[in-house]
Protein backbone atom coordinates (compact mmCIF):
# COMPACT_ATOMS: atom_id res chain seq x y z
CA UNK A 1 0.00 0.00 0.00
CA UNK A 2 1.49 3.28 -1.11
CA UNK A 3 1.52 6.08 1.42
CA UNK A 4 2.71 9.65 1.08
CA UNK A 5 2.63 11.54 4.36
CA UNK A 6 3.23 15.28 4.43
CA UNK A 7 4.37 17.23 7.47
CA UNK A 8 5.74 20.63 8.34
CA UNK A 9 2.79 22.86 7.57
CA UNK A 10 1.57 25.52 9.95
CA UNK A 11 0.90 29.18 10.55
CA UNK A 12 3.65 31.65 9.74
CA UNK A 13 3.89 35.38 9.28
CA UNK A 14 4.57 36.92 5.90
CA UNK A 15 8.28 36.84 5.19
CA UNK A 16 8.79 33.71 7.23
CA UNK A 17 9.89 30.22 6.23
CA UNK A 18 8.57 26.69 6.39
CA UNK A 19 10.02 23.35 5.41
CA UNK A 20 7.55 20.75 4.22
CA UNK A 21 8.48 17.10 4.20
CA UNK A 22 6.92 14.09 2.52
CA UNK A 23 7.69 10.54 3.61
CA UNK A 24 6.91 7.82 1.08
CA UNK A 25 6.38 4.12 1.65
CA UNK A 26 5.06 1.16 -0.31
CA UNK A 27 6.72 2.14 -3.60
CA UNK A 28 10.15 2.06 -5.19
CA UNK A 29 10.77 5.70 -4.41
CA UNK A 30 13.78 6.12 -6.67
CA UNK A 31 11.63 5.26 -9.74
CA UNK A 32 9.29 8.19 -9.17
CA UNK A 33 9.48 11.87 -9.90
CA UNK A 34 8.09 13.74 -6.92
CA UNK A 35 6.01 16.88 -6.99
CA UNK A 36 4.47 19.41 -4.66
CA UNK A 37 1.12 20.94 -5.52
CA UNK A 38 -1.13 23.29 -3.61
CA UNK A 39 -4.79 24.12 -3.49
CA UNK A 40 -6.28 27.27 -2.04
CA UNK A 41 -9.98 27.52 -1.13
CA UNK A 42 -12.12 27.90 -4.24
CA UNK A 43 -9.19 27.34 -6.58
CA UNK A 44 -7.88 24.43 -8.61
CA UNK A 45 -4.89 22.42 -7.48
CA UNK A 46 -1.74 23.92 -8.96
CA UNK A 47 1.84 22.86 -9.54
CA UNK A 48 4.45 24.23 -7.15
CA UNK A 49 7.65 22.27 -7.70
CA UNK A 50 8.94 18.88 -8.78
CA UNK A 51 12.14 16.86 -8.86
CA UNK A 52 13.04 14.00 -11.18
CA UNK A 53 13.65 10.49 -9.85
CA UNK A 54 17.41 11.02 -10.04
CA UNK A 55 17.29 14.44 -8.43
CA UNK A 56 19.14 15.93 -11.36
CA UNK A 57 16.20 17.94 -12.67
CA UNK A 58 13.98 20.34 -10.78
CA UNK A 59 11.25 22.72 -11.84
CA UNK A 60 9.30 25.45 -10.11
CA UNK A 61 6.16 27.44 -10.72
CA UNK A 62 6.86 31.04 -11.57
CA UNK A 63 5.03 32.18 -8.45
CA UNK A 64 7.51 30.41 -6.14
CA UNK A 65 10.72 30.42 -8.17
CA UNK A 66 13.55 31.90 -6.18
CA UNK A 67 11.69 31.39 -2.92
CA UNK A 68 11.36 27.60 -2.82
CA UNK A 69 13.76 24.70 -3.09
CA UNK A 70 12.76 21.09 -3.62
CA UNK A 71 15.10 18.27 -2.64
CA UNK A 72 14.89 14.52 -2.26
CA UNK A 73 16.69 11.77 -0.41
CA UNK A 74 16.32 8.44 -2.17
CA UNK A 75 17.98 6.59 0.69
CA UNK A 76 15.35 7.83 3.12
CA UNK A 77 12.39 7.99 0.72
CA UNK A 78 11.71 11.63 1.46
CA UNK A 79 11.16 14.80 -0.50
CA UNK A 80 11.27 18.26 1.05
CA UNK A 81 10.11 21.70 0.03
CA UNK A 82 11.89 24.61 1.65
CA UNK A 83 9.77 27.74 1.38
CA UNK A 84 11.18 31.17 2.17
CA UNK A 85 9.86 34.72 2.01
CA UNK A 86 6.34 33.40 2.34
CA UNK A 87 3.43 35.54 1.21
CA UNK A 88 -0.25 35.45 2.16
CA UNK A 89 -1.02 34.18 -1.35
CA UNK A 90 1.00 31.06 -0.54
CA UNK A 91 -1.76 30.02 1.85
CA UNK A 92 -3.10 26.65 0.72
CA UNK A 93 -3.13 22.95 1.42
CA UNK A 94 0.12 21.53 0.07
CA UNK A 95 0.15 18.04 -1.43
CA UNK A 96 3.00 15.68 -2.17
CA UNK A 97 2.61 13.48 -5.26
CA UNK A 98 4.51 10.68 -7.01
CA UNK A 99 4.79 10.10 -10.77
CA UNK A 100 6.41 6.90 -12.03
CA UNK A 101 8.70 8.16 -14.77
CA UNK A 102 11.73 5.86 -14.59
CA UNK A 103 13.76 5.45 -16.73
CA UNK A 104 12.65 8.79 -18.19
CA UNK A 105 14.24 11.63 -16.27
CA UNK A 106 11.47 14.14 -16.86
CA UNK A 107 9.06 16.15 -14.77
CA UNK A 108 5.33 16.57 -15.17
CA UNK A 109 3.38 19.67 -14.24
CA UNK A 110 -0.13 18.30 -14.47
CA UNK A 111 -2.06 16.57 -11.70
CA UNK A 112 -3.36 13.83 -14.00
CA UNK A 113 0.14 12.50 -14.59
CA UNK A 114 0.75 11.76 -10.92
CA UNK A 115 -0.04 8.28 -9.65
CA UNK A 116 -0.16 8.77 -5.89
CA UNK A 117 -1.07 11.64 -3.58
CA UNK A 118 -0.72 12.48 0.06
CA UNK A 119 -3.47 13.87 2.27
CA UNK A 120 -2.00 17.35 2.35
CA UNK A 121 -0.67 19.75 4.95
CA UNK A 122 -2.09 23.21 5.62
CA UNK A 123 0.12 26.25 5.18
CA UNK A 124 -1.28 29.55 6.37
CA UNK A 125 0.63 32.80 5.90
CA UNK A 126 -0.64 35.80 7.83
CA UNK A 127 -0.09 39.36 6.67
Foldseek 3Di string as FASTA:
>chain_A
DKAWAKDWADEEAQQAKIKMKIAIDDDQQLQWKKFKWWDDPPGDIFGAKIAFSVRPDIDGDPVQPPFWDWGDDSVRRMIMIIGGRDDQVVWTWMKMFIARDPPDRDDDGDPVRTDDIHPTDTHGYHD
